Amino acid sequence: MTGKLTLSLDKSVVEKAKKYATQRNVSLSKLVEFFFSSLTTDAKGKNVAISPITAALSGMVASKKICEKDVLAQALIEKHL
């Protein structure tokens, strides 16, 4: 079942959102639906669908394995030397 929602937003935000949605082949309504859905999921993250924004950003940052102990050790060395 669908419902209607009227929003008042700055024109520049609307234009940017329309462009974003068009570039990702998703309707603006669906984009807003994904956004609100992500805000209202439970803390455990059950049944969380990946939003178009998350999907678009996935893999953009190179994954670099970092040893947390090494980072902590380096921070302590820098702090105390």
Protein backbone atom coordinates (compact mmCIF):
# COMPACT_ATOMS: atom_id res chain seq x y z
CA MET A 1 0.00 0.00 0.00
CA THR A 2 1.33 3.47 -0.81
CA GLY A 3 0.60 6.85 0.68
CA LYS A 4 1.25 10.43 -0.33
CA LEU A 5 3.64 12.80 1.39
CA THR A 6 4.22 16.46 0.59
CA LEU A 7 7.60 17.91 1.47
CA SER A 8 8.88 21.48 1.35
CA LEU A 9 12.58 21.57 0.53
CA ASP A 10 15.07 24.07 -0.77
CA LYS A 11 15.00 24.15 -4.59
CA SER A 12 18.69 23.35 -4.88
CA VAL A 13 18.25 20.27 -2.69
CA VAL A 14 15.36 19.08 -4.84
CA GLU A 15 17.35 19.55 -8.05
CA LYS A 16 20.36 17.72 -6.64
CA ALA A 17 18.16 14.89 -5.39
CA LYS A 18 16.47 14.58 -8.80
CA LYS A 19 19.85 14.45 -10.51
CA TYR A 20 21.11 11.86 -8.04
CA ALA A 21 18.03 9.69 -8.53
CA THR A 22 18.23 9.95 -12.32
CA GLN A 23 21.90 8.96 -12.33
CA ARG A 24 21.03 5.83 -10.35
CA ASN A 25 17.89 4.95 -12.31
CA VAL A 26 15.66 5.19 -9.26
CA SER A 27 12.64 7.39 -8.71
CA LEU A 28 12.85 10.25 -6.26
CA SER A 29 9.93 8.72 -4.36
CA LYS A 30 11.79 5.41 -4.01
CA LEU A 31 14.93 7.24 -2.90
CA VAL A 32 13.00 9.04 -0.16
CA GLU A 33 11.30 5.78 0.80
CA PHE A 34 14.69 4.05 1.19
CA PHE A 35 15.95 6.96 3.27
CA PHE A 36 12.99 6.95 5.66
CA SER A 37 13.11 3.17 5.85
CA SER A 38 16.76 3.33 6.91
CA LEU A 39 15.84 5.79 9.67
CA THR A 40 13.12 3.58 11.08
CA THR A 41 14.82 0.17 11.22
CA ASP A 42 15.32 -1.44 14.58
CA ALA A 43 18.65 -1.28 16.40
CA LYS A 44 19.48 -4.87 15.45
CA GLY A 45 19.24 -3.97 11.76
CA LYS A 46 16.81 -6.74 10.90
CA ASN A 47 15.39 -6.68 7.39
CA VAL A 48 17.52 -3.72 6.41
CA ALA A 49 17.57 -3.16 2.67
CA ILE A 50 20.64 -1.50 1.23
CA SER A 51 19.67 1.98 0.16
CA PRO A 52 20.70 3.28 -3.26
CA ILE A 53 23.06 5.71 -1.56
CA THR A 54 24.80 2.92 0.33
CA ALA A 55 24.94 0.75 -2.78
CA ALA A 56 26.44 3.62 -4.79
CA LEU A 57 29.08 4.29 -2.15
CA SER A 58 30.00 0.64 -1.58
CA GLY A 59 33.53 -0.09 -2.66
CA MET A 60 34.48 3.55 -3.25
CA VAL A 61 37.05 3.52 -0.48
CA ALA A 62 39.87 1.04 -0.80
CA SER A 63 39.86 -1.46 2.00
CA LYS A 64 43.15 -1.56 3.84
CA LYS A 65 43.61 -4.11 6.59
CA ILE A 66 44.88 -2.38 9.69
CA CYS A 67 46.06 -4.10 12.82
CA GLU A 68 44.40 -2.29 15.71
CA LYS A 69 47.24 -3.23 18.07
CA ASP A 70 49.78 -1.62 15.72
CA VAL A 71 47.72 1.56 15.52
CA LEU A 72 47.41 1.71 19.30
CA ALA A 73 51.12 1.03 19.76
CA GLN A 74 52.05 3.78 17.29
CA ALA A 75 49.70 6.25 19.00
CA LEU A 76 51.22 5.49 22.40
CA ILE A 77 54.75 5.88 21.03
CA GLU A 78 53.88 9.25 19.49
CA LYS A 79 52.17 10.38 22.68
CA HIS A 80 55.00 9.50 25.03
CA LEU A 81 58.07 10.26 22.93
